Amino acid sequence: MSRMSETTGADESEVAAVLTTPEEWRGFLQRYDERYMQHRASDRELIGLLDEGQLEVLEEEGRLEPWLGEAPAREEDLAAAEERLGVRFPPSLRAFFLASDGWKRVEGWVDLVHPCGSVSWMRDGDDGGSVIEVYDEIPDNDDYVRLFRRSVEVARGEDYWLLDPTDTGPDGEWAAYLFAPKYGDLSEFPNFSALFHDGYDDMD
């Protein structure tokens, strides 16, 4: 396993509007949902894995799932999650949960955005803790390991979405990261909203 790469920026997502209200998130998530389904419907590799029933649904409805989101979180759910972690979520993440408490599919190698009740410190998760241990053994990765230990995991699959509550901007947003353990790639984004915009732009 090679040493982790330098952190890279995501310039295009920095200029995307930060979504800080449930109404803004609902509009964006509807567009994301539609683009994701169109993108996947044209994926020949995916189509080859579908059974006859799924192909029929895809042909008739143009999609395999009715909606990638979840019901909105309640304020009590958010408060309980924040109390458990000892933090107050940044505006874009709070607004996302109030629009959809989780998300089932993300473009790339992140499968699931957690509901607020499942958000956790990366260091406390079985998988996250194991990743930290492995990368802690790689020379010259102290800065990255410290970042992982203080970061909140908000989404994962093969890759992770992480937020750093110790790096807060004047707008209350936390620095965000897309981390690919397999390749040692760590990409920095200005906020949670920018992570979603990055995946949306990749579907062009």
N, C-alpha and C. Protein backbone atom coordinates (compact mmCIF):
# COMPACT_ATOMS: atom_id res chain seq x y z
N MET A 1 0.85 -1.20 0.00
CA MET A 1 0.00 0.00 0.00
C MET A 1 0.88 1.24 0.00
N SER A 2 0.60 2.15 -0.88
CA SER A 2 1.44 3.34 -1.00
C SER A 2 1.02 4.41 -0.01
N ARG A 3 1.92 5.37 0.17
CA ARG A 3 1.64 6.50 1.05
C ARG A 3 0.47 7.31 0.50
N MET A 4 -0.29 7.89 1.39
CA MET A 4 -1.44 8.67 0.96
C MET A 4 -0.99 9.88 0.16
N SER A 5 -1.83 10.25 -0.79
CA SER A 5 -1.51 11.39 -1.64
C SER A 5 -1.77 12.70 -0.92
N GLU A 6 -1.28 13.77 -1.50
CA GLU A 6 -1.56 15.10 -0.96
C GLU A 6 -3.05 15.38 -1.09
N THR A 7 -3.56 16.18 -0.17
CA THR A 7 -4.95 16.59 -0.26
C THR A 7 -5.14 17.45 -1.49
N THR A 8 -6.21 17.18 -2.23
CA THR A 8 -6.49 17.96 -3.42
C THR A 8 -7.75 18.78 -3.22
N GLY A 9 -7.82 19.92 -3.89
CA GLY A 9 -8.99 20.78 -3.77
C GLY A 9 -10.03 20.42 -4.80
N ALA A 10 -11.23 20.95 -4.62
CA ALA A 10 -12.32 20.72 -5.57
C ALA A 10 -12.84 22.08 -6.00
N ASP A 11 -12.11 22.71 -6.92
CA ASP A 11 -12.38 24.10 -7.27
C ASP A 11 -13.79 24.33 -7.79
N GLU A 12 -14.29 23.40 -8.65
CA GLU A 12 -15.60 23.61 -9.24
C GLU A 12 -16.69 23.63 -8.19
N SER A 13 -16.58 22.76 -7.17
CA SER A 13 -17.62 22.69 -6.16
C SER A 13 -17.57 23.88 -5.21
N GLU A 14 -16.43 24.56 -5.14
CA GLU A 14 -16.32 25.70 -4.26
C GLU A 14 -17.24 26.83 -4.71
N VAL A 15 -17.55 26.89 -6.01
CA VAL A 15 -18.37 27.98 -6.50
C VAL A 15 -19.86 27.60 -6.48
N ALA A 16 -20.19 26.35 -6.21
CA ALA A 16 -21.59 25.95 -6.13
C ALA A 16 -22.22 26.56 -4.89
N ALA A 17 -23.49 26.92 -5.03
CA ALA A 17 -24.20 27.52 -3.91
C ALA A 17 -24.30 26.54 -2.75
N VAL A 18 -24.08 27.03 -1.54
CA VAL A 18 -24.25 26.20 -0.34
C VAL A 18 -25.74 26.09 -0.04
N LEU A 19 -26.21 24.87 0.09
CA LEU A 19 -27.63 24.63 0.35
C LEU A 19 -27.86 24.62 1.85
N THR A 20 -28.60 25.59 2.35
CA THR A 20 -28.73 25.74 3.80
C THR A 20 -30.17 25.73 4.29
N THR A 21 -31.12 25.43 3.41
CA THR A 21 -32.51 25.31 3.85
C THR A 21 -33.08 23.99 3.32
N PRO A 22 -34.06 23.41 4.01
CA PRO A 22 -34.68 22.18 3.51
C PRO A 22 -35.28 22.36 2.12
N GLU A 23 -35.83 23.54 1.85
CA GLU A 23 -36.44 23.79 0.54
C GLU A 23 -35.40 23.75 -0.57
N GLU A 24 -34.23 24.35 -0.33
CA GLU A 24 -33.15 24.30 -1.32
C GLU A 24 -32.69 22.87 -1.55
N TRP A 25 -32.57 22.11 -0.48
CA TRP A 25 -32.14 20.72 -0.60
C TRP A 25 -33.17 19.88 -1.35
N ARG A 26 -34.45 20.09 -1.09
CA ARG A 26 -35.46 19.30 -1.79
C ARG A 26 -35.39 19.52 -3.29
N GLY A 27 -35.23 20.76 -3.70
CA GLY A 27 -35.12 21.05 -5.12
C GLY A 27 -33.89 20.42 -5.73
N PHE A 28 -32.75 20.53 -5.03
CA PHE A 28 -31.51 19.95 -5.54
C PHE A 28 -31.58 18.43 -5.57
N LEU A 29 -32.10 17.82 -4.50
CA LEU A 29 -32.17 16.36 -4.44
C LEU A 29 -33.10 15.79 -5.50
N GLN A 30 -34.15 16.52 -5.84
CA GLN A 30 -35.02 16.07 -6.92
C GLN A 30 -34.24 16.04 -8.24
N ARG A 31 -33.45 17.07 -8.49
CA ARG A 31 -32.63 17.11 -9.71
C ARG A 31 -31.56 16.02 -9.67
N TYR A 32 -30.95 15.83 -8.50
CA TYR A 32 -29.93 14.79 -8.35
C TYR A 32 -30.53 13.42 -8.62
N ASP A 33 -31.69 13.17 -8.04
CA ASP A 33 -32.39 11.89 -8.20
C ASP A 33 -32.65 11.62 -9.68
N GLU A 34 -33.17 12.60 -10.38
CA GLU A 34 -33.50 12.42 -11.80
C GLU A 34 -32.25 12.18 -12.63
N ARG A 35 -31.19 12.95 -12.37
CA ARG A 35 -29.97 12.78 -13.15
C ARG A 35 -29.32 11.44 -12.84
N TYR A 36 -29.33 11.03 -11.58
CA TYR A 36 -28.73 9.75 -11.21
C TYR A 36 -29.45 8.61 -11.92
N MET A 37 -30.78 8.63 -11.91
CA MET A 37 -31.54 7.56 -12.53
C MET A 37 -31.32 7.52 -14.04
N GLN A 38 -31.26 8.67 -14.68
CA GLN A 38 -30.99 8.71 -16.11
C GLN A 38 -29.59 8.19 -16.40
N HIS A 39 -28.64 8.57 -15.55
CA HIS A 39 -27.26 8.14 -15.73
C HIS A 39 -27.13 6.63 -15.58
N ARG A 40 -27.77 6.07 -14.57
CA ARG A 40 -27.68 4.63 -14.33
C ARG A 40 -28.45 3.84 -15.38
N ALA A 41 -29.54 4.41 -15.87
CA ALA A 41 -30.34 3.72 -16.88
C ALA A 41 -29.56 3.54 -18.18
N SER A 42 -28.55 4.37 -18.40
CA SER A 42 -27.74 4.27 -19.61
C SER A 42 -26.46 3.46 -19.38
N ASP A 43 -26.29 2.94 -18.16
CA ASP A 43 -25.10 2.18 -17.80
C ASP A 43 -25.25 0.74 -18.29
N ARG A 44 -24.55 0.40 -19.37
CA ARG A 44 -24.71 -0.93 -19.97
C ARG A 44 -24.27 -2.05 -19.02
N GLU A 45 -23.25 -1.77 -18.21
CA GLU A 45 -22.78 -2.81 -17.27
C GLU A 45 -23.86 -3.11 -16.25
N LEU A 46 -24.53 -2.06 -15.75
CA LEU A 46 -25.62 -2.25 -14.79
C LEU A 46 -26.77 -3.01 -15.43
N ILE A 47 -27.14 -2.61 -16.64
CA ILE A 47 -28.27 -3.24 -17.32
C ILE A 47 -28.04 -4.74 -17.49
N GLY A 48 -26.79 -5.12 -17.73
CA GLY A 48 -26.47 -6.54 -17.90
C GLY A 48 -26.65 -7.35 -16.63
N LEU A 49 -26.75 -6.69 -15.48
CA LEU A 49 -26.91 -7.40 -14.20
C LEU A 49 -28.36 -7.50 -13.76
N LEU A 50 -29.27 -6.86 -14.48
CA LEU A 50 -30.67 -6.83 -14.06
C LEU A 50 -31.40 -8.09 -14.48
N ASP A 51 -32.36 -8.51 -13.65
CA ASP A 51 -33.19 -9.64 -14.04
C ASP A 51 -34.35 -9.16 -14.91
N GLU A 52 -35.18 -10.08 -15.37
CA GLU A 52 -36.24 -9.75 -16.31
C GLU A 52 -37.23 -8.74 -15.72
N GLY A 53 -37.58 -8.95 -14.46
CA GLY A 53 -38.52 -8.03 -13.81
C GLY A 53 -37.97 -6.63 -13.68
N GLN A 54 -36.70 -6.51 -13.31
CA GLN A 54 -36.08 -5.20 -13.18
C GLN A 54 -35.97 -4.50 -14.53
N LEU A 55 -35.66 -5.27 -15.56
CA LEU A 55 -35.59 -4.69 -16.90
C LEU A 55 -36.94 -4.16 -17.35
N GLU A 56 -38.01 -4.88 -16.96
CA GLU A 56 -39.35 -4.44 -17.32
C GLU A 56 -39.70 -3.14 -16.62
N VAL A 57 -39.34 -3.04 -15.33
CA VAL A 57 -39.59 -1.80 -14.59
C VAL A 57 -38.79 -0.66 -15.20
N LEU A 58 -37.54 -0.93 -15.55
CA LEU A 58 -36.68 0.10 -16.14
C LEU A 58 -37.27 0.58 -17.47
N GLU A 59 -37.78 -0.36 -18.28
CA GLU A 59 -38.32 0.01 -19.58
C GLU A 59 -39.61 0.81 -19.44
N GLU A 60 -40.46 0.43 -18.48
CA GLU A 60 -41.75 1.09 -18.33
C GLU A 60 -41.65 2.43 -17.62
N GLU A 61 -40.78 2.50 -16.60
CA GLU A 61 -40.74 3.69 -15.75
C GLU A 61 -39.47 4.51 -15.91
N GLY A 62 -38.47 3.94 -16.58
CA GLY A 62 -37.23 4.69 -16.79
C GLY A 62 -36.35 4.76 -15.57
N ARG A 63 -36.68 3.99 -14.53
CA ARG A 63 -35.91 4.01 -13.29
C ARG A 63 -36.17 2.72 -12.51
N LEU A 64 -35.29 2.43 -11.57
CA LEU A 64 -35.41 1.20 -10.78
C LEU A 64 -35.95 1.45 -9.38
N GLU A 65 -35.81 2.66 -8.89
CA GLU A 65 -36.28 2.98 -7.54
C GLU A 65 -37.16 4.21 -7.60
N PRO A 66 -38.21 4.27 -6.78
CA PRO A 66 -39.12 5.41 -6.84
C PRO A 66 -38.51 6.71 -6.35
N TRP A 67 -37.61 6.64 -5.39
CA TRP A 67 -37.03 7.87 -4.81
C TRP A 67 -35.82 7.46 -4.00
N LEU A 68 -34.73 8.17 -4.16
CA LEU A 68 -33.48 7.80 -3.47
C LEU A 68 -33.40 8.37 -2.06
N GLY A 69 -34.31 9.26 -1.73
CA GLY A 69 -34.26 9.90 -0.42
C GLY A 69 -35.08 9.17 0.64
N GLU A 70 -35.17 9.81 1.79
CA GLU A 70 -35.92 9.28 2.92
C GLU A 70 -36.86 10.37 3.43
N ALA A 71 -37.70 10.02 4.38
CA ALA A 71 -38.54 11.03 5.02
C ALA A 71 -37.66 12.03 5.77
N PRO A 72 -38.09 13.27 5.88
CA PRO A 72 -37.29 14.26 6.61
C PRO A 72 -37.09 13.87 8.06
N ALA A 73 -35.94 14.22 8.61
CA ALA A 73 -35.71 14.03 10.04
C ALA A 73 -36.53 15.05 10.83
N ARG A 74 -36.85 14.70 12.05
CA ARG A 74 -37.49 15.66 12.95
C ARG A 74 -36.42 16.42 13.70
N GLU A 75 -36.77 17.59 14.17
CA GLU A 75 -35.81 18.39 14.96
C GLU A 75 -35.33 17.61 16.18
N GLU A 76 -36.22 16.79 16.76
CA GLU A 76 -35.83 15.99 17.92
C GLU A 76 -34.76 14.96 17.55
N ASP A 77 -34.86 14.41 16.33
CA ASP A 77 -33.86 13.45 15.87
C ASP A 77 -32.50 14.13 15.72
N LEU A 78 -32.51 15.32 15.12
CA LEU A 78 -31.27 16.07 14.95
C LEU A 78 -30.66 16.41 16.30
N ALA A 79 -31.49 16.89 17.22
CA ALA A 79 -31.00 17.27 18.54
C ALA A 79 -30.38 16.08 19.26
N ALA A 80 -31.01 14.91 19.14
CA ALA A 80 -30.49 13.71 19.79
C ALA A 80 -29.15 13.30 19.19
N ALA A 81 -29.02 13.39 17.87
CA ALA A 81 -27.76 13.04 17.21
C ALA A 81 -26.65 14.01 17.60
N GLU A 82 -26.99 15.27 17.66
CA GLU A 82 -25.99 16.29 18.03
C GLU A 82 -25.56 16.12 19.49
N GLU A 83 -26.51 15.81 20.35
CA GLU A 83 -26.17 15.59 21.76
C GLU A 83 -25.27 14.36 21.92
N ARG A 84 -25.56 13.31 21.17
CA ARG A 84 -24.76 12.08 21.23
C ARG A 84 -23.32 12.34 20.81
N LEU A 85 -23.13 13.17 19.80
CA LEU A 85 -21.78 13.45 19.29
C LEU A 85 -21.12 14.63 19.98
N GLY A 86 -21.91 15.44 20.67
CA GLY A 86 -21.35 16.60 21.36
C GLY A 86 -21.02 17.76 20.43
N VAL A 87 -21.75 17.87 19.32
CA VAL A 87 -21.53 18.95 18.35
C VAL A 87 -22.90 19.43 17.85
N ARG A 88 -22.89 20.59 17.21
CA ARG A 88 -24.06 21.03 16.45
C ARG A 88 -23.68 20.95 14.98
N PHE A 89 -24.49 20.25 14.20
CA PHE A 89 -24.18 20.06 12.78
C PHE A 89 -24.12 21.39 12.05
N PRO A 90 -23.31 21.49 11.01
CA PRO A 90 -23.25 22.71 10.22
C PRO A 90 -24.56 22.92 9.46
N PRO A 91 -24.83 24.18 9.04
CA PRO A 91 -26.13 24.50 8.42
C PRO A 91 -26.49 23.62 7.23
N SER A 92 -25.56 23.34 6.32
CA SER A 92 -25.92 22.56 5.14
C SER A 92 -26.29 21.12 5.50
N LEU A 93 -25.63 20.53 6.47
CA LEU A 93 -25.95 19.16 6.88
C LEU A 93 -27.28 19.11 7.60
N ARG A 94 -27.54 20.09 8.49
CA ARG A 94 -28.82 20.12 9.19
C ARG A 94 -29.97 20.24 8.20
N ALA A 95 -29.82 21.14 7.23
CA ALA A 95 -30.88 21.36 6.25
C ALA A 95 -31.10 20.11 5.40
N PHE A 96 -30.01 19.41 5.07
CA PHE A 96 -30.15 18.15 4.32
C PHE A 96 -31.01 17.16 5.09
N PHE A 97 -30.70 16.95 6.37
CA PHE A 97 -31.46 15.99 7.17
C PHE A 97 -32.93 16.39 7.29
N LEU A 98 -33.19 17.69 7.33
CA LEU A 98 -34.57 18.16 7.44
C LEU A 98 -35.32 18.02 6.10
N ALA A 99 -34.56 17.77 5.03
CA ALA A 99 -35.18 17.50 3.72
C ALA A 99 -35.28 16.01 3.45
N SER A 100 -34.24 15.26 3.86
CA SER A 100 -34.20 13.81 3.65
C SER A 100 -33.23 13.21 4.66
N ASP A 101 -33.73 12.36 5.52
CA ASP A 101 -32.89 11.80 6.58
C ASP A 101 -32.11 10.59 6.04
N GLY A 102 -31.13 10.90 5.17
CA GLY A 102 -30.33 9.88 4.53
C GLY A 102 -30.56 9.90 3.03
N TRP A 103 -29.72 9.14 2.31
CA TRP A 103 -29.80 9.09 0.83
C TRP A 103 -29.24 7.75 0.38
N LYS A 104 -29.97 7.06 -0.51
CA LYS A 104 -29.67 5.65 -0.81
C LYS A 104 -28.57 5.42 -1.83
N ARG A 105 -28.36 6.34 -2.74
CA ARG A 105 -27.38 6.13 -3.80
C ARG A 105 -26.63 7.43 -4.05
N VAL A 106 -25.31 7.32 -4.17
CA VAL A 106 -24.49 8.48 -4.48
C VAL A 106 -23.60 8.12 -5.66
N GLU A 107 -23.41 9.04 -6.57
CA GLU A 107 -22.52 8.78 -7.70
C GLU A 107 -21.10 8.56 -7.20
N GLY A 108 -20.40 7.59 -7.77
CA GLY A 108 -19.04 7.27 -7.33
C GLY A 108 -19.04 6.05 -6.44
N TRP A 109 -18.14 6.02 -5.47
CA TRP A 109 -17.94 4.85 -4.62
C TRP A 109 -18.45 5.04 -3.20
N VAL A 110 -19.39 5.97 -3.05
CA VAL A 110 -20.08 6.15 -1.77
C VAL A 110 -21.51 5.66 -1.96
N ASP A 111 -21.91 4.67 -1.20
CA ASP A 111 -23.21 4.03 -1.41
C ASP A 111 -24.35 4.70 -0.68
N LEU A 112 -24.08 5.22 0.50
CA LEU A 112 -25.18 5.63 1.38
C LEU A 112 -24.77 6.84 2.21
N VAL A 113 -25.61 7.88 2.19
CA VAL A 113 -25.47 8.97 3.14
C VAL A 113 -26.29 8.58 4.37
N HIS A 114 -25.63 8.55 5.53
CA HIS A 114 -26.28 8.05 6.74
C HIS A 114 -27.45 8.94 7.17
N PRO A 115 -28.48 8.36 7.77
CA PRO A 115 -29.46 9.18 8.50
C PRO A 115 -28.77 9.80 9.71
N CYS A 116 -29.34 10.86 10.23
CA CYS A 116 -28.66 11.59 11.31
C CYS A 116 -28.37 10.69 12.51
N GLY A 117 -29.23 9.73 12.77
CA GLY A 117 -29.03 8.84 13.92
C GLY A 117 -27.87 7.89 13.75
N SER A 118 -27.35 7.75 12.53
CA SER A 118 -26.23 6.84 12.28
C SER A 118 -24.92 7.56 12.01
N VAL A 119 -24.94 8.89 11.99
CA VAL A 119 -23.70 9.64 11.83
C VAL A 119 -22.83 9.38 13.06
N SER A 120 -21.53 9.15 12.85
CA SER A 120 -20.65 8.81 13.96
C SER A 120 -19.25 9.36 13.71
N TRP A 121 -18.45 9.36 14.76
CA TRP A 121 -17.04 9.68 14.61
C TRP A 121 -16.39 8.55 13.82
N MET A 122 -15.56 8.88 12.85
CA MET A 122 -14.91 7.84 12.05
C MET A 122 -14.15 6.87 12.96
N ARG A 123 -13.54 7.37 13.99
CA ARG A 123 -12.72 6.53 14.88
C ARG A 123 -13.55 5.50 15.63
N ASP A 124 -14.86 5.74 15.77
CA ASP A 124 -15.70 4.83 16.55
C ASP A 124 -16.31 3.71 15.72
N GLY A 125 -16.29 3.84 14.40
CA GLY A 125 -16.86 2.80 13.55
C GLY A 125 -15.89 1.65 13.38
N ASP A 126 -16.42 0.44 13.23
CA ASP A 126 -15.54 -0.72 13.04
C ASP A 126 -14.67 -0.55 11.80
N ASP A 127 -15.29 -0.16 10.69
CA ASP A 127 -14.53 0.01 9.46
C ASP A 127 -13.62 1.22 9.54
N GLY A 128 -14.16 2.34 10.02
CA GLY A 128 -13.34 3.55 10.14
C GLY A 128 -12.16 3.36 11.08
N GLY A 129 -12.41 2.71 12.21
CA GLY A 129 -11.32 2.45 13.15
C GLY A 129 -10.24 1.59 12.54
N SER A 130 -10.64 0.60 11.75
CA SER A 130 -9.66 -0.28 11.10
C SER A 130 -8.85 0.49 10.06
N VAL A 131 -9.52 1.36 9.30
CA VAL A 131 -8.81 2.16 8.31
C VAL A 131 -7.78 3.06 8.99
N ILE A 132 -8.17 3.67 10.10
CA ILE A 132 -7.25 4.55 10.83
C ILE A 132 -6.02 3.76 11.30
N GLU A 133 -6.25 2.56 11.82
CA GLU A 133 -5.13 1.73 12.28
C GLU A 133 -4.16 1.41 11.14
N VAL A 134 -4.71 1.07 9.98
CA VAL A 134 -3.87 0.73 8.84
C VAL A 134 -3.06 1.94 8.40
N TYR A 135 -3.72 3.08 8.27
CA TYR A 135 -3.01 4.26 7.79
C TYR A 135 -2.07 4.84 8.83
N ASP A 136 -2.31 4.52 10.09
CA ASP A 136 -1.42 4.98 11.16
C ASP A 136 -0.07 4.28 11.07
N GLU A 137 -0.04 3.13 10.43
CA GLU A 137 1.21 2.38 10.30
C GLU A 137 2.04 2.82 9.09
N ILE A 138 1.45 3.68 8.23
CA ILE A 138 2.16 4.17 7.05
C ILE A 138 2.95 5.42 7.44
N PRO A 139 4.24 5.47 7.16
CA PRO A 139 5.07 6.63 7.56
C PRO A 139 4.55 7.94 6.97
N ASP A 140 4.74 9.01 7.74
CA ASP A 140 4.46 10.38 7.30
C ASP A 140 2.98 10.66 7.08
N ASN A 141 2.11 9.92 7.74
CA ASN A 141 0.68 10.17 7.59
C ASN A 141 0.04 10.73 8.86
N ASP A 142 0.83 11.30 9.75
CA ASP A 142 0.29 11.77 11.03
C ASP A 142 -0.82 12.79 10.86
N ASP A 143 -0.66 13.72 9.92
CA ASP A 143 -1.68 14.76 9.73
C ASP A 143 -3.01 14.14 9.29
N TYR A 144 -2.93 13.15 8.41
CA TYR A 144 -4.14 12.52 7.91
C TYR A 144 -4.82 11.70 9.00
N VAL A 145 -4.04 10.97 9.77
CA VAL A 145 -4.61 10.15 10.84
C VAL A 145 -5.29 11.05 11.88
N ARG A 146 -4.68 12.18 12.21
CA ARG A 146 -5.31 13.11 13.15
C ARG A 146 -6.63 13.63 12.59
N LEU A 147 -6.65 13.90 11.29
CA LEU A 147 -7.89 14.35 10.65
C LEU A 147 -8.97 13.28 10.78
N PHE A 148 -8.63 12.04 10.49
CA PHE A 148 -9.63 10.97 10.56
C PHE A 148 -10.17 10.81 11.98
N ARG A 149 -9.29 10.92 12.96
CA ARG A 149 -9.72 10.71 14.35
C ARG A 149 -10.66 11.81 14.85
N ARG A 150 -10.57 12.98 14.25
CA ARG A 150 -11.44 14.08 14.71
C ARG A 150 -12.62 14.31 13.78
N SER A 151 -12.74 13.49 12.72
CA SER A 151 -13.78 13.71 11.72
C SER A 151 -15.04 12.89 11.98
N VAL A 152 -16.16 13.43 11.51
CA VAL A 152 -17.45 12.76 11.57
C VAL A 152 -17.70 12.10 10.22
N GLU A 153 -18.08 10.84 10.25
CA GLU A 153 -18.41 10.10 9.03
C GLU A 153 -19.89 10.30 8.71
N VAL A 154 -20.17 10.91 7.55
CA VAL A 154 -21.56 11.15 7.19
C VAL A 154 -22.03 10.25 6.05
N ALA A 155 -21.10 9.62 5.34
CA ALA A 155 -21.49 8.73 4.25
C ALA A 155 -20.34 7.77 3.98
N ARG A 156 -20.69 6.59 3.46
CA ARG A 156 -19.63 5.66 3.11
C ARG A 156 -20.13 4.57 2.18
N GLY A 157 -19.16 3.95 1.57
CA GLY A 157 -19.32 2.78 0.74
C GLY A 157 -17.91 2.24 0.70
N GLU A 158 -17.33 2.15 -0.48
CA GLU A 158 -15.90 1.87 -0.55
C GLU A 158 -15.11 3.11 -0.13
N ASP A 159 -15.67 4.29 -0.42
CA ASP A 159 -15.08 5.56 -0.02
C ASP A 159 -15.90 6.19 1.11
N TYR A 160 -15.37 7.26 1.67
CA TYR A 160 -16.00 7.94 2.80
C TYR A 160 -16.25 9.41 2.49
N TRP A 161 -17.32 9.96 3.07
CA TRP A 161 -17.50 11.40 3.19
C TRP A 161 -17.27 11.75 4.65
N LEU A 162 -16.36 12.67 4.89
CA LEU A 162 -16.00 13.07 6.25
C LEU A 162 -16.16 14.57 6.42
N LEU A 163 -16.52 14.99 7.64
CA LEU A 163 -16.60 16.41 7.98
C LEU A 163 -15.75 16.65 9.20
N ASP A 164 -15.01 17.77 9.19
CA ASP A 164 -14.10 18.11 10.29
C ASP A 164 -14.67 19.27 11.09
N PRO A 165 -15.25 19.00 12.27
CA PRO A 165 -15.86 20.08 13.06
C PRO A 165 -14.85 21.04 13.66
N THR A 166 -13.57 20.71 13.62
CA THR A 166 -12.56 21.64 14.15
C THR A 166 -12.13 22.65 13.10
N ASP A 167 -12.60 22.50 11.87
CA ASP A 167 -12.27 23.43 10.78
C ASP A 167 -13.57 24.06 10.29
N THR A 168 -13.99 25.10 10.99
CA THR A 168 -15.29 25.73 10.73
C THR A 168 -15.10 27.10 10.11
N GLY A 169 -15.80 27.36 9.02
CA GLY A 169 -15.72 28.64 8.35
C GLY A 169 -16.61 29.68 9.01
N PRO A 170 -16.54 30.93 8.56
CA PRO A 170 -17.36 32.00 9.14
C PRO A 170 -18.86 31.78 8.94
N ASP A 171 -19.22 30.94 7.96
CA ASP A 171 -20.63 30.63 7.73
C ASP A 171 -21.11 29.45 8.56
N GLY A 172 -20.22 28.92 9.42
CA GLY A 172 -20.60 27.78 10.26
C GLY A 172 -20.42 26.44 9.59
N GLU A 173 -19.96 26.42 8.35
CA GLU A 173 -19.77 25.16 7.63
C GLU A 173 -18.44 24.50 8.00
N TRP A 174 -18.45 23.17 8.05
CA TRP A 174 -17.25 22.40 8.36
C TRP A 174 -16.54 22.00 7.07
N ALA A 175 -15.22 21.95 7.11
CA ALA A 175 -14.46 21.42 5.98
C ALA A 175 -14.89 19.98 5.73
N ALA A 176 -14.98 19.60 4.46
CA ALA A 176 -15.48 18.28 4.08
C ALA A 176 -14.44 17.56 3.23
N TYR A 177 -14.48 16.23 3.28
CA TYR A 177 -13.47 15.43 2.57
C TYR A 177 -14.11 14.21 1.94
N LEU A 178 -13.63 13.88 0.75
CA LEU A 178 -13.90 12.60 0.11
C LEU A 178 -12.62 11.78 0.24
N PHE A 179 -12.71 10.66 0.93
CA PHE A 179 -11.53 9.84 1.20
C PHE A 179 -11.69 8.48 0.56
N ALA A 180 -10.73 8.10 -0.29
CA ALA A 180 -10.72 6.79 -0.96
C ALA A 180 -9.58 5.96 -0.38
N PRO A 181 -9.85 5.10 0.62
CA PRO A 181 -8.79 4.33 1.28
C PRO A 181 -7.98 3.47 0.33
N LYS A 182 -8.65 2.91 -0.67
CA LYS A 182 -7.98 1.98 -1.58
C LYS A 182 -6.81 2.63 -2.30
N TYR A 183 -6.97 3.92 -2.64
CA TYR A 183 -5.93 4.62 -3.40
C TYR A 183 -5.19 5.67 -2.57
N GLY A 184 -5.64 5.88 -1.34
CA GLY A 184 -4.99 6.88 -0.51
C GLY A 184 -5.27 8.29 -0.95
N ASP A 185 -6.39 8.52 -1.64
CA ASP A 185 -6.73 9.85 -2.13
C ASP A 185 -7.64 10.57 -1.14
N LEU A 186 -7.30 11.80 -0.85
CA LEU A 186 -8.09 12.62 0.06
C LEU A 186 -8.34 13.96 -0.62
N SER A 187 -9.61 14.24 -0.95
CA SER A 187 -9.97 15.47 -1.64
C SER A 187 -10.76 16.35 -0.69
N GLU A 188 -10.39 17.62 -0.61
CA GLU A 188 -11.04 18.55 0.32
C GLU A 188 -12.09 19.38 -0.39
N PHE A 189 -13.19 19.62 0.32
CA PHE A 189 -14.29 20.45 -0.16
C PHE A 189 -14.64 21.47 0.92
N PRO A 190 -15.26 22.58 0.54
CA PRO A 190 -15.54 23.62 1.54
C PRO A 190 -16.67 23.29 2.51
N ASN A 191 -17.55 22.33 2.14
CA ASN A 191 -18.69 22.04 3.00
C ASN A 191 -19.38 20.76 2.52
N PHE A 192 -20.34 20.29 3.29
CA PHE A 192 -21.09 19.08 2.96
C PHE A 192 -21.84 19.23 1.64
N SER A 193 -22.44 20.38 1.43
CA SER A 193 -23.17 20.62 0.20
C SER A 193 -22.30 20.42 -1.04
N ALA A 194 -21.04 20.83 -0.96
CA ALA A 194 -20.13 20.70 -2.10
C ALA A 194 -19.84 19.25 -2.44
N LEU A 195 -19.87 18.34 -1.47
CA LEU A 195 -19.68 16.92 -1.75
C LEU A 195 -20.79 16.41 -2.67
N PHE A 196 -22.02 16.79 -2.39
CA PHE A 196 -23.14 16.38 -3.23
C PHE A 196 -23.05 17.01 -4.62
N HIS A 197 -22.67 18.28 -4.68
CA HIS A 197 -22.55 18.95 -5.97
C HIS A 197 -21.47 18.28 -6.83
N ASP A 198 -20.40 17.80 -6.20
CA ASP A 198 -19.32 17.16 -6.94
C ASP A 198 -19.84 15.91 -7.65
N GLY A 199 -20.62 15.09 -6.95
CA GLY A 199 -21.18 13.90 -7.56
C GLY A 199 -22.19 14.25 -8.66
N TYR A 200 -22.95 15.29 -8.44
CA TYR A 200 -23.92 15.74 -9.44
C TYR A 200 -23.20 16.15 -10.72
N ASP A 201 -22.12 16.92 -10.58
CA ASP A 201 -21.37 17.38 -11.74
C ASP A 201 -20.71 16.22 -12.48
N ASP A 202 -20.32 15.18 -11.75
CA ASP A 202 -19.67 14.03 -12.38
C ASP A 202 -20.59 13.26 -13.30
N MET A 203 -21.90 13.47 -13.18
CA MET A 203 -22.85 12.75 -14.01
C MET A 203 -23.13 13.44 -15.33
N ASP A 204 -22.42 14.52 -15.64
CA ASP A 204 -22.60 15.21 -16.93
C ASP A 204 -22.23 14.30 -18.08
